[in-house]
Amino acid sequence: MNKVQPTINEDGTETVTLWGTTVDVTEKDSFTLFKRDFRVIREPKAKKTNSKSTKVIKADTEVLNG
C-alpha cells in the first residue's frame, strides 16, 4: 500500500493528483487508482488549549445567614 498526502483546497475539499489524474479524497482513508492501492495520510490536528471548554471557573461562595 502506497502512502500519499492530500492537498487541502480553499473550499475545504482534499484532493490528490497522481499521473495527471486528480482524485477527491475528502472523508476517505484509502483509494485505488490504476489497480494500485493508496492510503491517505493526514497530519494530526492540534489540540486546542485555553478554550472555554477546558477552563474551569470557580465561583466564590458566601454563606448568608438570613
C-alpha atoms as a PDB file:
ATOM      1  CA  MET A   1       0.000   0.000   0.000  1.00  0.00           C
ATOM      2  CA  ASN A   2       1.390   3.384  -1.036  1.00  0.00           C
ATOM      3  CA  LYS A   3       1.038   6.472   1.165  1.00  0.00           C
ATOM      4  CA  VAL A   4       0.015   9.897  -0.154  1.00  0.00           C
ATOM      5  CA  GLN A   5      -0.688  13.238   1.492  1.00  0.00           C
ATOM      6  CA  PRO A   6      -3.702  15.218   0.235  1.00  0.00           C
ATOM      7  CA  THR A   7      -3.775  18.862  -0.817  1.00  0.00           C
ATOM      8  CA  ILE A   8      -6.382  20.925   1.037  1.00  0.00           C
ATOM      9  CA  ASN A   9      -8.240  23.299  -1.289  1.00  0.00           C
ATOM     10  CA  GLU A  10      -9.822  26.654  -0.453  1.00  0.00           C
ATOM     11  CA  ASP A  11     -13.335  25.174  -0.413  1.00  0.00           C
ATOM     12  CA  GLY A  12     -12.313  22.562   2.184  1.00  0.00           C
ATOM     13  CA  THR A  13     -12.059  19.547  -0.123  1.00  0.00           C
ATOM     14  CA  GLU A  14      -9.000  17.316  -0.193  1.00  0.00           C
ATOM     15  CA  THR A  15      -7.503  16.108  -3.471  1.00  0.00           C
ATOM     16  CA  VAL A  16      -4.566  14.009  -4.615  1.00  0.00           C
ATOM     17  CA  THR A  17      -3.044  14.332  -8.089  1.00  0.00           C
ATOM     18  CA  LEU A  18      -1.150  11.313  -9.440  1.00  0.00           C
ATOM     19  CA  TRP A  19      -0.060  10.787 -13.046  1.00  0.00           C
ATOM     20  CA  GLY A  20      -2.204  13.706 -14.200  1.00  0.00           C
ATOM     21  CA  THR A  21      -5.361  12.357 -12.557  1.00  0.00           C
ATOM     22  CA  THR A  22      -6.984  14.245  -9.694  1.00  0.00           C
ATOM     23  CA  VAL A  23      -8.856  12.186  -7.108  1.00  0.00           C
ATOM     24  CA  ASP A  24     -11.183  13.659  -4.471  1.00  0.00           C
ATOM     25  CA  VAL A  25     -10.254  12.031  -1.143  1.00  0.00           C
ATOM     26  CA  THR A  26     -12.444  14.096   1.172  1.00  0.00           C
ATOM     27  CA  GLU A  27     -13.535  11.848   4.085  1.00  0.00           C
ATOM     28  CA  LYS A  28     -11.735   8.809   2.587  1.00  0.00           C
ATOM     29  CA  ASP A  29      -8.916   6.830   4.186  1.00  0.00           C
ATOM     30  CA  SER A  30      -7.824   4.949   1.071  1.00  0.00           C
ATOM     31  CA  PHE A  31      -8.481   4.694  -2.665  1.00  0.00           C
ATOM     32  CA  THR A  32      -7.448   2.679  -5.725  1.00  0.00           C
ATOM     33  CA  LEU A  33      -6.019   4.262  -8.879  1.00  0.00           C
ATOM     34  CA  PHE A  34      -4.798   2.257 -11.875  1.00  0.00           C
ATOM     35  CA  LYS A  35      -5.001  -1.017  -9.887  1.00  0.00           C
ATOM     36  CA  ARG A  36      -2.796   0.389  -7.112  1.00  0.00           C
ATOM     37  CA  ASP A  37      -3.964   0.937  -3.565  1.00  0.00           C
ATOM     38  CA  PHE A  38      -3.172   4.208  -1.804  1.00  0.00           C
ATOM     39  CA  ARG A  39      -3.601   5.213   1.831  1.00  0.00           C
ATOM     40  CA  VAL A  40      -4.304   8.864   2.647  1.00  0.00           C
ATOM     41  CA  ILE A  41      -2.020  10.171   5.392  1.00  0.00           C
ATOM     42  CA  ARG A  42      -3.208  13.350   7.123  1.00  0.00           C
ATOM     43  CA  GLU A  43      -1.383  15.462   9.676  1.00  0.00           C
ATOM     44  CA  PRO A  44      -2.827  15.120  13.169  1.00  0.00           C
ATOM     45  CA  LYS A  45      -4.948  18.061  14.254  1.00  0.00           C
ATOM     46  CA  ALA A  46      -3.562  20.176  17.079  1.00  0.00           C
ATOM     47  CA  LYS A  47      -5.453  20.172  20.325  1.00  0.00           C
ATOM     48  CA  LYS A  48      -6.997  23.438  21.436  1.00  0.00           C
ATOM     49  CA  THR A  49      -5.717  24.837  24.692  1.00  0.00           C
ATOM     50  CA  ASN A  50      -7.095  27.589  26.887  1.00  0.00           C
ATOM     51  CA  SER A  51     -10.522  27.368  25.348  1.00  0.00           C
ATOM     52  CA  LYS A  52     -13.695  27.950  27.318  1.00  0.00           C
ATOM     53  CA  SER A  53     -14.448  24.241  27.476  1.00  0.00           C
ATOM     54  CA  THR A  54     -11.062  23.409  29.018  1.00  0.00           C
ATOM     55  CA  LYS A  55     -11.033  26.169  31.629  1.00  0.00           C
ATOM     56  CA  VAL A  56     -12.671  25.570  34.951  1.00  0.00           C
ATOM     57  CA  ILE A  57     -14.234  28.640  36.509  1.00  0.00           C
ATOM     58  CA  LYS A  58     -14.591  28.556  40.243  1.00  0.00           C
ATOM     59  CA  ALA A  59     -17.190  30.852  41.720  1.00  0.00           C
ATOM     60  CA  ASP A  60     -16.718  32.497  45.094  1.00  0.00           C
ATOM     61  CA  THR A  61     -19.297  31.248  47.551  1.00  0.00           C
ATOM     62  CA  GLU A  62     -20.518  33.079  50.624  1.00  0.00           C
ATOM     63  CA  VAL A  63     -22.609  31.742  53.437  1.00  0.00           C
ATOM     64  CA  LEU A  64     -25.511  34.084  54.121  1.00  0.00           C
ATOM     65  CA  ASN A  65     -27.232  33.879  57.457  1.00  0.00           C
ATOM     66  CA  GLY A  66     -30.599  35.156  56.984  1.00  0.00           C
END
